[in-house]
Amino acid sequence: MSIFTKVAMNVLLNNSHPEIERKQCWNLHPHREQCTDCKDICPYGEDIFSRPNLVKDWDPCTDCGLCVSVCRARCIIPSTEQVQRDLAPATSDNDTVWIGCEKSTRHNDLVRACVGALSWEALAYLALNKKLVLDLTPCGECENDLCAQMLRNNLTRLVEFLGEPLFNARFTLAYQPEDAPYEAKELSRREMFTHMSDSSKNGTKQLLRRLPVLQDDEENRIQPFRYALSERVKQLKTATETPFHYGVYLPAFTSKCFGCGRCEKNCKAGAIRLEDLPDGQTRVVITPWKCSECGMCVSSCNHKAIDGMKLRSLTSLGPVSVLRFKKNLCKDCGKPIPPETTDGVCATCRVKLRTKQRQAAAAERARARAAERAAQKAVQKAAAEAAEAAETAASAPAPAPAEPVSAPGTPH
């Protein structure tokens, strides 16, 4: 099968494996330690990844979702099948969804290779729709320390996002087989047929059709779980009188920020935006559902204007303004400059000005040396001409003596 036929078949058959958005990968940015999380946690890492951000063959991939969940920059796009599989329980008939791994002996609604393969965003979305029971009975015998660490990180992040009271109300961690016994909801024949007829309109298909991962919107394709979580938070905010608060990590901008735009340029997820307001001020706007909390903006700021990633309490995951300031512009090029700048020019223009001054000084010195050399040459030429004239005068023959002139009438 040629490569073009293979690509066409993958498009037609709806790829059943993740994809990598390489421009957003952690390893493609300077001043970063090498990240190999996706390659390390993948059961077929050596066969799939030639490098952490470069795939040589997707054929061994089982679409388990471990690489999607562990990616710190969220540059690995989950497959359409994974999105459907992870979010479908939100529209089930049961009030509680049981989630477990393949090694579990109990009957679970959602079975994955590892419970940690579900990203914390997907679990948070499900928790805002249903009560969740995480079957952790096989975790005590699991020898995969990377999966265990990822599961702990996801649970910690869920507590931070939902808050401890809401987390305890929506999650049950079943460490023993007798914890949280499975209870399936019995449906009558009428309810069953009603559910089957309504599922195509108001069920899973209608829900997933709204996700950007199933559309052609390249701007929103890379964060389908966060987008779904944002939409659910938006629905709950409009449906409740007192909205819930959610913990989200956002870059902490300080008063040192002067709007250079370096963070906006380095944020490949498009979560940071600088907006100029009519009153002459500029504000920093962050879209939390796009932010992958990777911290690239922190490391890219050369002026230490971002004090790390801080946990903030928000009622929605939509755009939020985190800082307002007035820009100081360079008088030469118009770019933003720090407020403490005394000469009123940016570093680039300052270097250019210094370069021009050095060039002008060098040109002046060159003209002075040229004038000095010309004067020296004139002096040397005058001296040479004087010497030549003296030599010519010395070598000329002496004039013959004149004959005496006799008086008139004097005999000779």
Protein backbone atom coordinates (compact mmCIF):
# COMPACT_ATOMS: atom_id res chain seq x y z
CA MET A 1 0.00 0.00 0.00
CA SER A 2 1.46 3.36 -1.03
CA ILE A 3 1.73 6.20 1.43
CA PHE A 4 -0.97 8.19 -0.37
CA THR A 5 -3.38 5.25 -0.27
CA LYS A 6 -2.61 4.74 3.43
CA VAL A 7 -3.32 8.40 4.22
CA ALA A 8 -6.58 8.28 2.26
CA MET A 9 -7.67 5.08 4.04
CA ASN A 10 -6.89 6.62 7.44
CA VAL A 11 -9.03 9.64 6.62
CA LEU A 12 -11.91 7.50 5.37
CA LEU A 13 -11.78 5.05 8.27
CA ASN A 14 -11.52 7.79 10.91
CA ASN A 15 -8.09 7.33 12.51
CA SER A 16 -8.16 5.17 15.63
CA HIS A 17 -4.91 6.51 17.06
CA PRO A 18 -3.78 9.84 18.53
CA GLU A 19 -1.96 12.53 16.59
CA ILE A 20 0.87 14.81 17.64
CA GLU A 21 0.78 18.58 17.24
CA ARG A 22 4.56 18.94 17.01
CA LYS A 23 4.67 22.74 17.14
CA GLN A 24 3.26 22.60 20.68
CA CYS A 25 5.59 19.90 21.97
CA TRP A 26 7.56 20.68 25.12
CA ASN A 27 10.85 19.55 23.51
CA LEU A 28 10.68 22.04 20.64
CA HIS A 29 11.12 25.03 22.95
CA PRO A 30 14.47 26.26 24.29
CA HIS A 31 15.66 26.04 27.88
CA ARG A 32 13.72 22.86 28.58
CA GLU A 33 14.80 19.49 29.90
CA GLN A 34 14.09 16.60 27.59
CA CYS A 35 10.58 15.16 28.07
CA THR A 36 10.05 11.48 27.27
CA ASP A 37 6.79 10.90 29.18
CA CYS A 38 4.76 9.73 26.20
CA LYS A 39 7.45 7.35 25.00
CA ASP A 40 8.11 5.99 28.49
CA ILE A 41 4.50 5.26 29.41
CA CYS A 42 3.47 3.78 26.06
CA PRO A 43 3.49 -0.06 26.12
CA TYR A 44 4.92 0.04 22.58
CA GLY A 45 7.01 3.16 22.98
CA GLU A 46 10.11 1.92 21.18
CA ASP A 47 8.04 0.60 18.28
CA ILE A 48 5.90 3.73 17.85
CA PHE A 49 8.07 6.70 18.79
CA SER A 50 11.40 7.36 17.12
CA ARG A 51 11.55 10.47 19.31
CA PRO A 52 9.01 11.70 21.88
CA ASN A 53 7.53 14.14 19.36
CA LEU A 54 8.06 12.07 16.22
CA VAL A 55 6.22 8.88 15.32
CA LYS A 56 7.68 6.28 13.01
CA ASP A 57 4.73 3.85 12.99
CA TRP A 58 1.23 3.97 14.51
CA ASP A 59 0.39 0.35 13.62
CA PRO A 60 1.20 -1.12 17.08
CA CYS A 61 -0.94 1.57 18.78
CA THR A 62 -3.97 0.23 20.66
CA ASP A 63 -5.42 3.70 21.32
CA CYS A 64 -5.18 3.20 25.08
CA GLY A 65 -4.89 6.96 25.68
CA LEU A 66 -1.95 6.82 28.09
CA CYS A 67 0.16 9.19 26.00
CA VAL A 68 -2.74 11.67 25.75
CA SER A 69 -3.22 11.75 29.50
CA VAL A 70 0.48 12.02 30.42
CA CYS A 71 1.41 14.76 27.92
CA ARG A 72 2.18 17.87 29.97
CA ALA A 73 1.76 20.25 27.01
CA ARG A 74 -1.38 18.51 25.67
CA CYS A 75 0.22 18.36 22.24
CA ILE A 76 -1.07 14.80 21.65
CA ILE A 77 -4.53 14.97 20.10
CA PRO A 78 -6.79 12.07 21.12
CA SER A 79 -8.44 10.06 18.40
CA THR A 80 -12.10 10.54 17.62
CA GLU A 81 -12.84 7.06 18.94
CA GLN A 82 -11.16 7.86 22.25
CA VAL A 83 -13.17 11.06 22.66
CA GLN A 84 -16.39 9.19 21.98
CA ARG A 85 -15.43 6.36 24.31
CA ASP A 86 -14.40 8.64 27.18
CA LEU A 87 -17.30 11.11 27.05
CA ALA A 88 -20.14 8.78 26.09
CA PRO A 89 -20.96 7.73 29.72
CA ALA A 90 -22.07 11.32 30.39
CA THR A 91 -25.32 10.57 28.56
CA SER A 92 -25.97 7.15 30.07
CA ASP A 93 -29.14 6.38 31.99
CA ASN A 94 -27.44 5.44 35.25
CA ASP A 95 -26.83 8.14 37.81
CA THR A 96 -23.45 6.58 38.60
CA VAL A 97 -20.72 5.53 36.17
CA TRP A 98 -18.27 2.77 37.16
CA ILE A 99 -14.79 3.14 35.68
CA GLY A 100 -12.10 0.47 35.85
CA CYS A 101 -9.16 -1.07 34.06
CA GLU A 102 -8.95 -4.28 32.04
CA LYS A 103 -7.59 -6.24 35.02
CA SER A 104 -10.66 -5.56 37.14
CA THR A 105 -12.96 -8.50 37.80
CA ARG A 106 -16.05 -6.40 38.46
CA HIS A 107 -18.51 -5.13 35.89
CA ASN A 108 -17.68 -1.53 34.95
CA ASP A 109 -19.38 0.83 32.54
CA LEU A 110 -16.15 2.27 31.17
CA VAL A 111 -13.17 -0.07 30.85
CA ARG A 112 -9.75 1.25 29.87
CA ALA A 113 -6.25 -0.18 29.78
CA CYS A 114 -5.57 1.92 32.89
CA VAL A 115 -7.80 4.25 34.87
CA GLY A 116 -5.04 6.83 34.55
CA ALA A 117 -5.48 6.76 30.77
CA LEU A 118 -8.47 9.06 31.21
CA SER A 119 -7.23 12.62 31.43
CA TRP A 120 -8.31 14.64 34.44
CA GLU A 121 -10.30 16.93 32.12
CA ALA A 122 -12.35 13.97 30.86
CA LEU A 123 -12.94 12.75 34.42
CA ALA A 124 -13.95 16.25 35.52
CA TYR A 125 -16.41 16.48 32.63
CA LEU A 126 -17.95 13.13 33.56
CA ALA A 127 -18.08 14.11 37.25
CA LEU A 128 -20.08 17.25 36.41
CA ASN A 129 -22.64 15.02 34.69
CA LYS A 130 -22.65 11.83 36.77
CA LYS A 131 -21.33 10.39 39.98
CA LEU A 132 -18.19 8.37 39.34
CA VAL A 133 -16.84 5.25 40.98
CA LEU A 134 -13.18 4.56 40.22
CA ASP A 135 -12.42 0.88 40.58
CA LEU A 136 -8.90 0.87 42.00
CA THR A 137 -8.87 -2.72 43.26
CA PRO A 138 -6.16 -3.89 40.78
CA CYS A 139 -3.96 -0.84 41.41
CA GLY A 140 -2.36 -2.35 44.52
CA GLU A 141 -0.88 -5.20 42.46
CA CYS A 142 0.03 -3.06 39.42
CA GLU A 143 3.78 -2.87 38.83
CA ASN A 144 3.63 0.07 36.44
CA ASP A 145 4.88 2.94 38.58
CA LEU A 146 4.44 5.49 35.78
CA CYS A 147 0.71 4.75 35.51
CA ALA A 148 0.33 4.90 39.29
CA GLN A 149 2.07 8.26 39.43
CA MET A 150 -0.07 9.60 36.59
CA LEU A 151 -3.25 8.44 38.35
CA ARG A 152 -2.15 10.19 41.55
CA ASN A 153 -1.44 13.38 39.60
CA ASN A 154 -4.84 13.23 37.91
CA LEU A 155 -6.67 12.74 41.21
CA THR A 156 -4.72 15.59 42.82
CA ARG A 157 -5.57 17.85 39.90
CA LEU A 158 -9.25 16.87 40.16
CA VAL A 159 -9.30 17.84 43.85
CA GLU A 160 -7.76 21.20 42.97
CA PHE A 161 -10.21 21.78 40.12
CA LEU A 162 -13.46 20.67 41.77
CA GLY A 163 -12.59 21.45 45.37
CA GLU A 164 -12.54 18.83 48.08
CA PRO A 165 -16.29 18.98 48.98
CA LEU A 166 -17.44 18.59 45.37
CA PHE A 167 -14.80 15.93 44.69
CA ASN A 168 -15.98 13.88 47.66
CA ALA A 169 -19.59 14.27 46.53
CA ARG A 170 -18.95 13.18 42.92
CA PHE A 171 -16.14 10.61 43.26
CA THR A 172 -15.95 7.30 45.06
CA LEU A 173 -12.61 5.49 45.16
CA ALA A 174 -13.23 1.76 45.43
CA TYR A 175 -10.08 0.09 46.79
CA GLN A 176 -11.82 -3.14 47.82
CA PRO A 177 -14.18 -5.37 45.76
CA GLU A 178 -17.03 -4.74 48.21
CA ASP A 179 -16.71 -0.95 47.94
CA ALA A 180 -19.43 0.77 45.86
CA PRO A 181 -21.23 -2.29 44.47
CA TYR A 182 -22.39 -1.95 40.89
CA GLU A 183 -26.08 -1.16 40.47
CA ALA A 184 -27.48 -1.06 36.97
CA LYS A 185 -30.68 0.85 36.34
CA GLU A 186 -33.49 -1.36 35.13
CA LEU A 187 -35.29 0.04 32.11
CA SER A 188 -38.76 -0.85 30.97
CA ARG A 189 -39.36 -1.78 27.34
CA ARG A 190 -40.89 1.66 26.64
CA GLU A 191 -37.99 3.48 28.31
CA MET A 192 -35.50 1.37 26.39
CA PHE A 193 -37.03 2.16 22.99
CA THR A 194 -37.44 5.81 23.96
CA HIS A 195 -33.78 5.99 24.88
CA MET A 196 -32.73 4.32 21.63
CA SER A 197 -34.79 6.73 19.54
CA ASP A 198 -33.65 9.81 21.44
CA SER A 199 -29.97 8.91 21.54
CA SER A 200 -29.42 10.03 17.96
CA LYS A 201 -30.93 13.44 18.73
CA ASN A 202 -30.04 14.31 22.30
CA GLY A 203 -27.55 11.64 23.32
CA THR A 204 -23.91 10.97 22.70
CA LYS A 205 -23.86 11.81 19.01
CA GLN A 206 -25.35 15.24 19.58
CA LEU A 207 -22.87 15.90 22.36
CA LEU A 208 -19.82 14.80 20.41
CA ARG A 209 -20.86 16.67 17.28
CA ARG A 210 -20.24 19.91 19.18
CA LEU A 211 -16.65 19.03 19.99
CA PRO A 212 -14.03 20.74 17.84
CA VAL A 213 -12.12 17.48 17.38
CA LEU A 214 -14.88 16.36 15.00
CA GLN A 215 -14.88 19.64 13.09
CA ASP A 216 -12.40 21.42 10.82
CA ASP A 217 -11.63 24.17 13.29
CA GLU A 218 -7.86 23.90 13.61
CA GLU A 219 -7.77 26.49 16.37
CA ASN A 220 -9.72 24.29 18.78
CA ARG A 221 -8.78 20.75 17.67
CA ILE A 222 -6.00 20.20 20.15
CA GLN A 223 -8.03 20.36 23.40
CA PRO A 224 -11.32 18.45 22.91
CA PHE A 225 -11.65 17.34 26.55
CA ARG A 226 -11.03 20.84 27.89
CA TYR A 227 -13.49 22.29 25.40
CA ALA A 228 -16.16 19.81 26.49
CA LEU A 229 -15.38 20.62 30.14
CA SER A 230 -15.71 24.33 29.41
CA GLU A 231 -19.08 23.85 27.75
CA ARG A 232 -20.35 21.83 30.71
CA VAL A 233 -19.15 24.45 33.18
CA LYS A 234 -20.91 27.10 31.11
CA GLN A 235 -24.17 25.11 31.23
CA LEU A 236 -23.96 24.68 35.00
CA LYS A 237 -23.26 28.38 35.49
CA THR A 238 -26.43 29.38 33.63
CA ALA A 239 -28.54 26.68 35.33
CA THR A 240 -27.59 27.42 38.95
CA GLU A 241 -28.15 30.55 40.98
CA THR A 242 -24.86 30.23 42.83
CA PRO A 243 -22.19 29.12 40.37
CA PHE A 244 -19.50 26.68 41.39
CA HIS A 245 -15.88 27.73 41.59
CA TYR A 246 -13.19 25.69 39.86
CA GLY A 247 -9.46 25.68 40.47
CA VAL A 248 -7.48 26.50 37.34
CA TYR A 249 -3.75 27.09 36.98
CA LEU A 250 -3.01 30.33 35.13
CA PRO A 251 0.23 32.27 34.59
CA ALA A 252 0.61 34.90 37.32
CA PHE A 253 1.45 38.14 35.54
CA THR A 254 3.08 40.87 37.64
CA SER A 255 3.47 44.63 37.28
CA LYS A 256 6.77 44.05 35.47
CA CYS A 257 4.83 43.11 32.34
CA PHE A 258 4.99 45.83 29.67
CA GLY A 259 3.37 43.95 26.78
CA CYS A 260 6.33 42.71 24.75
CA GLY A 261 4.18 39.82 23.46
CA ARG A 262 6.80 37.12 23.87
CA CYS A 263 4.48 34.94 25.98
CA GLU A 264 1.69 35.31 23.43
CA LYS A 265 4.03 34.22 20.65
CA ASN A 266 5.38 31.21 22.54
CA CYS A 267 1.96 29.94 23.66
CA LYS A 268 1.21 27.56 20.80
CA ALA A 269 -2.19 26.73 22.28
CA GLY A 270 -3.34 30.33 21.75
CA ALA A 271 -4.38 30.75 25.38
CA ILE A 272 -2.73 34.18 25.89
CA ARG A 273 -3.84 37.31 24.08
CA LEU A 274 -2.84 40.97 24.46
CA GLU A 275 -5.66 43.43 23.71
CA ASP A 276 -5.35 47.19 23.27
CA LEU A 277 -8.27 49.02 24.88
CA PRO A 278 -9.82 52.30 23.68
CA ASP A 279 -8.64 54.15 26.79
CA GLY A 280 -5.01 53.57 25.84
CA GLN A 281 -4.47 50.67 28.22
CA THR A 282 -3.57 47.09 27.36
CA ARG A 283 -4.90 43.99 29.07
CA VAL A 284 -3.69 40.39 29.19
CA VAL A 285 -6.52 37.93 28.46
CA ILE A 286 -6.15 34.20 29.12
CA THR A 287 -8.55 31.50 27.94
CA PRO A 288 -8.33 28.78 30.64
CA TRP A 289 -9.81 25.95 28.59
CA LYS A 290 -7.09 26.42 25.98
CA CYS A 291 -4.27 26.67 28.52
CA SER A 292 -2.49 23.34 28.99
CA GLU A 293 -0.77 24.59 32.17
CA CYS A 294 2.61 23.66 30.66
CA GLY A 295 4.43 26.81 31.84
CA MET A 296 6.12 27.64 28.54
CA CYS A 297 5.04 31.26 28.91
CA VAL A 298 6.84 31.44 32.26
CA SER A 299 10.15 30.24 30.86
CA SER A 300 9.90 32.40 27.74
CA CYS A 301 9.54 35.69 29.66
CA ASN A 302 12.98 37.33 29.78
CA HIS A 303 11.84 40.11 32.12
CA LYS A 304 10.54 37.83 34.92
CA ALA A 305 7.06 39.33 34.54
CA ILE A 306 5.29 35.97 35.12
CA ASP A 307 5.60 34.59 38.64
CA GLY A 308 4.97 30.94 37.81
CA MET A 309 1.62 29.16 37.42
CA LYS A 310 -0.82 29.96 40.23
CA LEU A 311 -4.06 28.23 41.16
CA ARG A 312 -7.04 30.56 40.69
CA SER A 313 -10.71 30.07 41.49
CA LEU A 314 -12.99 30.77 38.49
CA THR A 315 -16.67 30.29 37.76
CA SER A 316 -16.07 29.53 34.06
CA LEU A 317 -13.29 28.48 31.72
CA GLY A 318 -13.88 31.30 29.29
CA PRO A 319 -11.54 34.26 28.64
CA VAL A 320 -10.50 36.16 31.76
CA SER A 321 -8.51 39.39 32.11
CA VAL A 322 -5.57 39.00 34.50
CA LEU A 323 -3.70 42.31 34.13
CA ARG A 324 -4.14 45.87 32.87
CA PHE A 325 -1.34 48.33 32.19
CA LYS A 326 -0.39 51.26 29.99
CA LYS A 327 2.17 50.62 27.33
CA ASN A 328 5.31 52.69 26.94
CA LEU A 329 6.33 52.70 23.30
CA CYS A 330 9.75 53.15 21.76
CA LYS A 331 10.05 56.59 20.18
CA ASP A 332 11.91 55.14 17.21
CA CYS A 333 10.14 51.90 16.26
CA GLY A 334 6.97 52.00 18.39
CA LYS A 335 7.53 48.67 20.16
CA PRO A 336 6.66 48.30 23.88
CA ILE A 337 9.46 49.12 26.30
CA PRO A 338 9.82 48.70 30.09
CA PRO A 339 8.47 51.65 32.12
CA GLU A 340 11.84 52.23 33.81
CA THR A 341 13.55 52.93 30.48
CA THR A 342 15.17 56.39 30.68
CA ASP A 343 16.17 57.01 27.07
CA GLY A 344 12.75 56.10 25.65
CA VAL A 345 13.99 53.50 23.16
CA CYS A 346 13.87 49.73 23.10
CA ALA A 347 16.91 47.49 23.35
CA THR A 348 16.99 46.89 19.59
CA CYS A 349 16.87 50.57 18.75
CA ARG A 350 19.43 51.26 21.48
CA VAL A 351 21.81 48.79 19.89
CA LYS A 352 21.14 50.30 16.48
CA LEU A 353 21.78 53.80 17.86
CA ARG A 354 25.01 52.68 19.49
CA THR A 355 26.01 50.99 16.26
CA LYS A 356 25.33 54.18 14.30
CA GLN A 357 27.29 56.22 16.82
CA ARG A 358 30.21 53.83 16.61
CA GLN A 359 30.02 53.88 12.84
CA ALA A 360 29.90 57.70 12.82
CA ALA A 361 32.85 57.88 15.23
CA ALA A 362 34.75 55.39 13.10
CA ALA A 363 33.96 57.40 9.96
CA GLU A 364 35.11 60.60 11.69
CA ARG A 365 38.33 58.95 12.77
CA ALA A 366 38.82 57.64 9.24
CA ARG A 367 38.32 61.15 7.81
CA ALA A 368 40.75 62.59 10.39
CA ARG A 369 43.34 59.98 9.49
CA ALA A 370 42.80 60.63 5.79
CA ALA A 371 43.22 64.38 6.33
CA GLU A 372 46.34 63.76 8.41
CA ARG A 373 47.78 61.51 5.74
CA ALA A 374 46.94 64.09 3.07
CA ALA A 375 48.69 66.82 5.10
CA GLN A 376 51.70 64.60 5.60
CA LYS A 377 51.80 63.88 1.91
CA ALA A 378 51.58 67.63 1.12
CA VAL A 379 54.44 68.36 3.51
CA GLN A 380 56.49 65.56 2.06
CA LYS A 381 55.73 66.74 -1.46
CA ALA A 382 56.73 70.32 -0.64
CA ALA A 383 59.92 69.12 0.98
CA ALA A 384 60.68 66.94 -2.02
CA GLU A 385 60.04 69.84 -4.39
CA ALA A 386 62.29 72.12 -2.34
CA ALA A 387 65.06 69.54 -2.29
CA GLU A 388 64.71 68.99 -6.00
CA ALA A 389 64.91 72.72 -6.65
CA ALA A 390 68.02 73.02 -4.49
CA GLU A 391 69.64 70.10 -6.24
CA THR A 392 68.84 71.57 -9.62
CA ALA A 393 70.30 74.88 -8.60
CA ALA A 394 73.48 73.26 -7.30
CA SER A 395 74.09 71.24 -10.44
CA ALA A 396 73.59 74.14 -12.90
CA PRO A 397 76.98 75.53 -14.56
CA ALA A 398 78.30 78.86 -13.34
CA PRO A 399 77.76 81.81 -15.79
CA ALA A 400 80.84 82.99 -17.85
CA PRO A 401 82.48 86.36 -16.78
CA ALA A 402 81.49 89.29 -18.93
CA GLU A 403 84.22 91.04 -21.20
CA PRO A 404 85.19 94.60 -20.20
CA VAL A 405 83.77 97.30 -22.34
CA SER A 406 86.30 99.93 -23.59
CA ALA A 407 85.63 103.66 -23.73
CA PRO A 408 84.87 105.24 -27.02
CA GLY A 409 87.99 106.40 -28.86
CA THR A 410 90.31 104.30 -26.82
CA PRO A 411 92.67 102.42 -29.07
CA HIS A 412 92.58 98.67 -28.70
